[in-house]
């Protein structure tokens, strides 16, 4: 397999899976943003997802703890 990263290997195993390709695009975008460089877009139809466009929102949002419903009721 030619991909260095495990995600690239998964994409080679499942080339029709757009979710994996979108995830790779988001990771590449975030890495480029952190390093201050611009990613080189891949050529081909596999990189045409609308989710690869930059957005004002953070790509990864922290999870909030689930609300507990087990709390005892007040008397």
PDB file of N, CA and C in Angstrom:
ATOM      1  N   UNK A   1       0.840  -1.179   0.000  1.00  0.00           N
ATOM      2  CA  UNK A   1       0.000   0.000   0.000  1.00  0.00           C
ATOM      3  C   UNK A   1       0.880   1.234   0.000  1.00  0.00           C
ATOM      4  N   UNK A   2       0.461   2.239  -0.748  1.00  0.00           N
ATOM      5  CA  UNK A   2       1.316   3.401  -0.889  1.00  0.00           C
ATOM      6  C   UNK A   2       1.091   4.458   0.182  1.00  0.00           C
ATOM      7  N   UNK A   3      -0.037   4.438   0.914  1.00  0.00           N
ATOM      8  CA  UNK A   3      -0.306   5.446   1.933  1.00  0.00           C
ATOM      9  C   UNK A   3       0.548   5.227   3.167  1.00  0.00           C
ATOM     10  N   UNK A   4       1.070   6.328   3.701  1.00  0.00           N
ATOM     11  CA  UNK A   4       1.891   6.229   4.902  1.00  0.00           C
ATOM     12  C   UNK A   4       1.027   6.177   6.161  1.00  0.00           C
ATOM     13  N   UNK A   5      -0.099   6.857   6.127  1.00  0.00           N
ATOM     14  CA  UNK A   5      -0.951   6.932   7.308  1.00  0.00           C
ATOM     15  C   UNK A   5      -1.990   5.807   7.284  1.00  0.00           C
ATOM     16  N   UNK A   6      -2.414   5.346   8.449  1.00  0.00           N
ATOM     17  CA  UNK A   6      -3.446   4.303   8.490  1.00  0.00           C
ATOM     18  C   UNK A   6      -4.727   4.715   7.763  1.00  0.00           C
ATOM     19  N   UNK A   7      -5.076   6.000   7.829  1.00  0.00           N
ATOM     20  CA  UNK A   7      -6.275   6.459   7.128  1.00  0.00           C
ATOM     21  C   UNK A   7      -6.117   6.293   5.617  1.00  0.00           C
ATOM     22  N   UNK A   8      -4.932   6.576   5.099  1.00  0.00           N
ATOM     23  CA  UNK A   8      -4.685   6.381   3.667  1.00  0.00           C
ATOM     24  C   UNK A   8      -4.826   4.905   3.294  1.00  0.00           C
ATOM     25  N   UNK A   9      -4.395   4.034   4.179  1.00  0.00           N
ATOM     26  CA  UNK A   9      -4.522   2.599   3.911  1.00  0.00           C
ATOM     27  C   UNK A   9      -5.991   2.183   3.900  1.00  0.00           C
ATOM     28  N   UNK A  10      -6.791   2.755   4.804  1.00  0.00           N
ATOM     29  CA  UNK A  10      -8.224   2.460   4.805  1.00  0.00           C
ATOM     30  C   UNK A  10      -8.883   2.951   3.518  1.00  0.00           C
ATOM     31  N   UNK A  11      -8.464   4.117   3.049  1.00  0.00           N
ATOM     32  CA  UNK A  11      -9.027   4.657   1.813  1.00  0.00           C
ATOM     33  C   UNK A  11      -8.673   3.767   0.632  1.00  0.00           C
ATOM     34  N   UNK A  12      -7.482   3.190   0.652  1.00  0.00           N
ATOM     35  CA  UNK A  12      -7.110   2.269  -0.425  1.00  0.00           C
ATOM     36  C   UNK A  12      -7.940   0.984  -0.356  1.00  0.00           C
ATOM     37  N   UNK A  13      -8.267   0.535   0.857  1.00  0.00           N
ATOM     38  CA  UNK A  13      -9.084  -0.668   1.007  1.00  0.00           C
ATOM     39  C   UNK A  13     -10.549  -0.411   0.645  1.00  0.00           C
ATOM     40  N   UNK A  14     -11.027   0.799   0.939  1.00  0.00           N
ATOM     41  CA  UNK A  14     -12.427   1.157   0.695  1.00  0.00           C
ATOM     42  C   UNK A  14     -12.487   2.445  -0.127  1.00  0.00           C
ATOM     43  N   UNK A  15     -12.094   2.397  -1.399  1.00  0.00           N
ATOM     44  CA  UNK A  15     -12.007   3.621  -2.209  1.00  0.00           C
ATOM     45  C   UNK A  15     -13.353   4.299  -2.456  1.00  0.00           C
ATOM     46  N   UNK A  16     -14.454   3.584  -2.291  1.00  0.00           N
ATOM     47  CA  UNK A  16     -15.767   4.177  -2.539  1.00  0.00           C
ATOM     48  C   UNK A  16     -16.321   4.901  -1.317  1.00  0.00           C
ATOM     49  N   UNK A  17     -15.653   4.825  -0.180  1.00  0.00           N
ATOM     50  CA  UNK A  17     -16.151   5.411   1.066  1.00  0.00           C
ATOM     51  C   UNK A  17     -15.820   6.903   1.133  1.00  0.00           C
ATOM     52  N   UNK A  18     -16.806   7.749   0.867  1.00  0.00           N
ATOM     53  CA  UNK A  18     -16.605   9.196   0.842  1.00  0.00           C
ATOM     54  C   UNK A  18     -16.316   9.748   2.237  1.00  0.00           C
ATOM     55  N   UNK A  19     -16.835   9.109   3.286  1.00  0.00           N
ATOM     56  CA  UNK A  19     -16.599   9.580   4.651  1.00  0.00           C
ATOM     57  C   UNK A  19     -15.108   9.563   4.974  1.00  0.00           C
ATOM     58  N   UNK A  20     -14.412   8.512   4.573  1.00  0.00           N
ATOM     59  CA  UNK A  20     -12.971   8.429   4.821  1.00  0.00           C
ATOM     60  C   UNK A  20     -12.232   9.532   4.074  1.00  0.00           C
ATOM     61  N   UNK A  21     -12.640   9.797   2.848  1.00  0.00           N
ATOM     62  CA  UNK A  21     -11.989  10.843   2.051  1.00  0.00           C
ATOM     63  C   UNK A  21     -12.246  12.221   2.653  1.00  0.00           C
ATOM     64  N   UNK A  22     -13.470  12.446   3.138  1.00  0.00           N
ATOM     65  CA  UNK A  22     -13.783  13.715   3.782  1.00  0.00           C
ATOM     66  C   UNK A  22     -12.963  13.889   5.057  1.00  0.00           C
ATOM     67  N   UNK A  23     -12.819  12.809   5.815  1.00  0.00           N
ATOM     68  CA  UNK A  23     -12.032  12.860   7.037  1.00  0.00           C
ATOM     69  C   UNK A  23     -10.581  13.198   6.729  1.00  0.00           C
ATOM     70  N   UNK A  24     -10.023  12.564   5.694  1.00  0.00           N
ATOM     71  CA  UNK A  24      -8.641  12.864   5.309  1.00  0.00           C
ATOM     72  C   UNK A  24      -8.502  14.328   4.909  1.00  0.00           C
ATOM     73  N   UNK A  25      -9.463  14.865   4.177  1.00  0.00           N
ATOM     74  CA  UNK A  25      -9.413  16.267   3.759  1.00  0.00           C
ATOM     75  C   UNK A  25      -9.456  17.197   4.969  1.00  0.00           C
ATOM     76  N   UNK A  26     -10.295  16.879   5.963  1.00  0.00           N
ATOM     77  CA  UNK A  26     -10.369  17.701   7.169  1.00  0.00           C
ATOM     78  C   UNK A  26      -9.072  17.636   7.966  1.00  0.00           C
ATOM     79  N   UNK A  27      -8.501  16.452   8.067  1.00  0.00           N
ATOM     80  CA  UNK A  27      -7.237  16.297   8.793  1.00  0.00           C
ATOM     81  C   UNK A  27      -6.131  17.079   8.096  1.00  0.00           C
ATOM     82  N   UNK A  28      -6.050  16.951   6.770  1.00  0.00           N
ATOM     83  CA  UNK A  28      -5.030  17.679   6.022  1.00  0.00           C
ATOM     84  C   UNK A  28      -5.209  19.186   6.178  1.00  0.00           C
ATOM     85  N   UNK A  29      -6.460  19.643   6.154  1.00  0.00           N
ATOM     86  CA  UNK A  29      -6.743  21.068   6.312  1.00  0.00           C
ATOM     87  C   UNK A  29      -6.313  21.559   7.688  1.00  0.00           C
ATOM     88  N   UNK A  30      -6.634  20.784   8.730  1.00  0.00           N
ATOM     89  CA  UNK A  30      -6.252  21.172  10.089  1.00  0.00           C
ATOM     90  C   UNK A  30      -4.741  21.155  10.276  1.00  0.00           C
ATOM     91  N   UNK A  31      -4.070  20.159   9.719  1.00  0.00           N
ATOM     92  CA  UNK A  31      -2.610  20.113   9.819  1.00  0.00           C
ATOM     93  C   UNK A  31      -1.983  21.303   9.106  1.00  0.00           C
ATOM     94  N   UNK A  32      -2.518  21.654   7.950  1.00  0.00           N
ATOM     95  CA  UNK A  32      -1.993  22.801   7.209  1.00  0.00           C
ATOM     96  C   UNK A  32      -2.231  24.093   7.978  1.00  0.00           C
ATOM     97  N   UNK A  33      -3.393  24.202   8.605  1.00  0.00           N
ATOM     98  CA  UNK A  33      -3.707  25.405   9.375  1.00  0.00           C
ATOM     99  C   UNK A  33      -2.767  25.533  10.566  1.00  0.00           C
ATOM    100  N   UNK A  34      -2.452  24.409  11.223  1.00  0.00           N
ATOM    101  CA  UNK A  34      -1.562  24.439  12.382  1.00  0.00           C
ATOM    102  C   UNK A  34      -0.130  24.759  11.983  1.00  0.00           C
ATOM    103  N   UNK A  35       0.293  24.268  10.832  1.00  0.00           N
ATOM    104  CA  UNK A  35       1.671  24.494  10.409  1.00  0.00           C
ATOM    105  C   UNK A  35       1.828  25.794   9.639  1.00  0.00           C
ATOM    106  N   UNK A  36       0.714  26.429   9.259  1.00  0.00           N
ATOM    107  CA  UNK A  36       0.782  27.695   8.550  1.00  0.00           C
ATOM    108  C   UNK A  36       0.988  27.555   7.059  1.00  0.00           C
ATOM    109  N   UNK A  37       0.899  26.351   6.514  1.00  0.00           N
ATOM    110  CA  UNK A  37       1.064  26.163   5.076  1.00  0.00           C
ATOM    111  C   UNK A  37      -0.286  25.874   4.444  1.00  0.00           C
ATOM    112  N   UNK A  38      -0.334  25.908   3.142  1.00  0.00           N
ATOM    113  CA  UNK A  38      -1.563  25.629   2.408  1.00  0.00           C
ATOM    114  C   UNK A  38      -1.491  24.227   1.840  1.00  0.00           C
ATOM    115  N   UNK A  39      -2.519  23.392   2.071  1.00  0.00           N
ATOM    116  CA  UNK A  39      -2.479  22.029   1.528  1.00  0.00           C
ATOM    117  C   UNK A  39      -2.619  22.035   0.014  1.00  0.00           C
ATOM    118  N   UNK A  40      -1.998  21.069  -0.609  1.00  0.00           N
ATOM    119  CA  UNK A  40      -2.107  20.908  -2.050  1.00  0.00           C
ATOM    120  C   UNK A  40      -3.304  20.004  -2.305  1.00  0.00           C
ATOM    121  N   UNK A  41      -4.329  20.515  -2.998  1.00  0.00           N
ATOM    122  CA  UNK A  41      -5.503  19.672  -3.229  1.00  0.00           C
ATOM    123  C   UNK A  41      -5.190  18.520  -4.156  1.00  0.00           C
ATOM    124  N   UNK A  42      -5.843  17.394  -3.889  1.00  0.00           N
ATOM    125  CA  UNK A  42      -5.655  16.226  -4.740  1.00  0.00           C
ATOM    126  C   UNK A  42      -6.466  16.401  -6.008  1.00  0.00           C
ATOM    127  N   UNK A  43      -5.999  15.808  -7.079  1.00  0.00           N
ATOM    128  CA  UNK A  43      -6.758  15.850  -8.318  1.00  0.00           C
ATOM    129  C   UNK A  43      -7.639  14.624  -8.383  1.00  0.00           C
ATOM    130  N   UNK A  44      -8.753  14.758  -9.050  1.00  0.00           N
ATOM    131  CA  UNK A  44      -9.655  13.620  -9.188  1.00  0.00           C
ATOM    132  C   UNK A  44     -10.993  13.907  -8.565  1.00  0.00           C
ATOM    133  N   UNK A  45     -11.962  13.092  -8.898  1.00  0.00           N
ATOM    134  CA  UNK A  45     -13.327  13.292  -8.430  1.00  0.00           C
ATOM    135  C   UNK A  45     -13.501  12.928  -6.963  1.00  0.00           C
ATOM    136  N   UNK A  46     -12.547  12.227  -6.376  1.00  0.00           N
ATOM    137  CA  UNK A  46     -12.730  11.784  -5.002  1.00  0.00           C
ATOM    138  C   UNK A  46     -12.628  12.919  -4.002  1.00  0.00           C
ATOM    139  N   UNK A  47     -12.137  14.084  -4.397  1.00  0.00           N
ATOM    140  CA  UNK A  47     -11.960  15.186  -3.463  1.00  0.00           C
ATOM    141  C   UNK A  47     -12.923  16.320  -3.792  1.00  0.00           C
ATOM    142  N   UNK A  48     -14.180  16.009  -4.050  1.00  0.00           N
ATOM    143  CA  UNK A  48     -15.146  17.027  -4.439  1.00  0.00           C
ATOM    144  C   UNK A  48     -16.257  17.204  -3.416  1.00  0.00           C
ATOM    145  N   UNK A  49     -16.057  16.776  -2.210  1.00  0.00           N
ATOM    146  CA  UNK A  49     -17.083  16.857  -1.189  1.00  0.00           C
ATOM    147  C   UNK A  49     -17.264  18.298  -0.720  1.00  0.00           C
ATOM    148  N   UNK A  50     -18.498  18.719  -0.480  1.00  0.00           N
ATOM    149  CA  UNK A  50     -18.715  20.075   0.021  1.00  0.00           C
ATOM    150  C   UNK A  50     -18.205  20.266   1.443  1.00  0.00           C
ATOM    151  N   UNK A  51     -17.940  19.182   2.168  1.00  0.00           N
ATOM    152  CA  UNK A  51     -17.452  19.309   3.538  1.00  0.00           C
ATOM    153  C   UNK A  51     -15.976  19.661   3.599  1.00  0.00           C
ATOM    154  N   UNK A  52     -15.281  19.670   2.466  1.00  0.00           N
ATOM    155  CA  UNK A  52     -13.862  20.004   2.488  1.00  0.00           C
ATOM    156  C   UNK A  52     -13.642  21.501   2.416  1.00  0.00           C
ATOM    157  N   UNK A  53     -14.694  22.288   2.218  1.00  0.00           N
ATOM    158  CA  UNK A  53     -14.549  23.736   2.162  1.00  0.00           C
ATOM    159  C   UNK A  53     -14.256  24.261   3.565  1.00  0.00           C
ATOM    160  N   UNK A  54     -13.379  25.258   3.681  1.00  0.00           N
ATOM    161  CA  UNK A  54     -13.070  25.814   4.996  1.00  0.00           C
ATOM    162  C   UNK A  54     -14.312  26.461   5.603  1.00  0.00           C
ATOM    163  N   UNK A  55     -14.426  26.381   6.901  1.00  0.00           N
ATOM    164  CA  UNK A  55     -15.562  26.987   7.577  1.00  0.00           C
ATOM    165  C   UNK A  55     -15.071  27.778   8.776  1.00  0.00           C
ATOM    166  N   UNK A  56     -15.947  28.636   9.290  1.00  0.00           N
ATOM    167  CA  UNK A  56     -15.588  29.447  10.446  1.00  0.00           C
ATOM    168  C   UNK A  56     -15.657  28.634  11.732  1.00  0.00           C
ATOM    169  N   UNK A  57     -16.362  27.520  11.706  1.00  0.00           N
ATOM    170  CA  UNK A  57     -16.496  26.692  12.890  1.00  0.00           C
ATOM    171  C   UNK A  57     -15.294  25.769  13.035  1.00  0.00           C
ATOM    172  N   UNK A  58     -14.928  25.421  14.271  1.00  0.00           N
ATOM    173  CA  UNK A  58     -13.827  24.470  14.439  1.00  0.00           C
ATOM    174  C   UNK A  58     -14.220  23.100  13.896  1.00  0.00           C
ATOM    175  N   UNK A  59     -13.260  22.395  13.343  1.00  0.00           N
ATOM    176  CA  UNK A  59     -13.527  21.088  12.752  1.00  0.00           C
ATOM    177  C   UNK A  59     -13.858  20.052  13.823  1.00  0.00           C
ATOM    178  N   UNK A  60     -13.265  20.206  15.002  1.00  0.00           N
ATOM    179  CA  UNK A  60     -13.499  19.250  16.083  1.00  0.00           C
ATOM    180  C   UNK A  60     -14.085  20.019  17.260  1.00  0.00           C
ATOM    181  N   UNK A  61     -15.251  19.619  17.697  1.00  0.00           N
ATOM    182  CA  UNK A  61     -15.878  20.282  18.830  1.00  0.00           C
ATOM    183  C   UNK A  61     -15.839  19.355  20.034  1.00  0.00           C
ATOM    184  N   UNK A  62     -15.596  19.902  21.212  1.00  0.00           N
ATOM    185  CA  UNK A  62     -15.534  19.044  22.397  1.00  0.00           C
ATOM    186  C   UNK A  62     -16.915  18.486  22.718  1.00  0.00           C
ATOM    187  N   UNK A  63     -16.922  17.284  23.226  1.00  0.00           N
ATOM    188  CA  UNK A  63     -18.174  16.643  23.602  1.00  0.00           C
ATOM    189  C   UNK A  63     -18.598  17.112  24.985  1.00  0.00           C
ATOM    190  N   UNK A  64     -19.881  17.342  25.132  1.00  0.00           N
ATOM    191  CA  UNK A  64     -20.400  17.712  26.441  1.00  0.00           C
ATOM    192  C   UNK A  64     -20.810  16.445  27.173  1.00  0.00           C
ATOM    193  N   UNK A  65     -20.667  16.425  28.502  1.00  0.00           N
ATOM    194  CA  UNK A  65     -21.073  15.218  29.234  1.00  0.00           C
ATOM    195  C   UNK A  65     -22.579  15.022  29.096  1.00  0.00           C
ATOM    196  N   UNK A  66     -23.023  13.786  29.057  1.00  0.00           N
ATOM    197  CA  UNK A  66     -24.461  13.534  28.918  1.00  0.00           C
ATOM    198  C   UNK A  66     -25.222  13.992  30.157  1.00  0.00           C
ATOM    199  N   UNK A  67     -26.431  14.450  29.942  1.00  0.00           N
ATOM    200  CA  UNK A  67     -27.273  14.876  31.061  1.00  0.00           C
ATOM    201  C   UNK A  67     -27.691  13.646  31.851  1.00  0.00           C
ATOM    202  N   UNK A  68     -27.648  13.771  33.153  1.00  0.00           N
ATOM    203  CA  UNK A  68     -28.022  12.630  33.991  1.00  0.00           C
ATOM    204  C   UNK A  68     -29.491  12.746  34.361  1.00  0.00           C
ATOM    205  N   UNK A  69     -30.184  11.647  34.254  1.00  0.00           N
ATOM    206  CA  UNK A  69     -31.601  11.608  34.628  1.00  0.00           C
ATOM    207  C   UNK A  69     -31.799  10.760  35.875  1.00  0.00           C
ATOM    208  N   UNK A  70     -30.700  10.314  36.477  1.00  0.00           N
ATOM    209  CA  UNK A  70     -30.766   9.447  37.646  1.00  0.00           C
ATOM    210  C   UNK A  70     -30.835  10.240  38.952  1.00  0.00           C
ATOM    211  N   UNK A  71     -30.828  11.558  38.882  1.00  0.00           N
ATOM    212  CA  UNK A  71     -30.772  12.373  40.092  1.00  0.00           C
ATOM    213  C   UNK A  71     -32.025  12.148  40.937  1.00  0.00           C
ATOM    214  N   UNK A  72     -31.837  12.049  42.244  1.00  0.00           N
ATOM    215  CA  UNK A  72     -33.008  11.864  43.114  1.00  0.00           C
ATOM    216  C   UNK A  72     -33.877  13.120  43.096  1.00  0.00           C
ATOM    217  N   UNK A  73     -35.169  12.909  43.169  1.00  0.00           N
ATOM    218  CA  UNK A  73     -36.085  14.043  43.150  1.00  0.00           C
ATOM    219  C   UNK A  73     -36.086  14.733  44.503  1.00  0.00           C
ATOM    220  N   UNK A  74     -36.289  16.047  44.468  1.00  0.00           N
ATOM    221  CA  UNK A  74     -36.338  16.814  45.717  1.00  0.00           C
ATOM    222  C   UNK A  74     -37.634  16.494  46.451  1.00  0.00           C
ATOM    223  N   UNK A  75     -37.590  16.410  47.804  1.00  0.00           N
ATOM    224  CA  UNK A  75     -38.816  16.077  48.569  1.00  0.00           C
ATOM    225  C   UNK A  75     -39.819  17.208  48.567  1.00  0.00           C
TER     226      UNK A  75
END
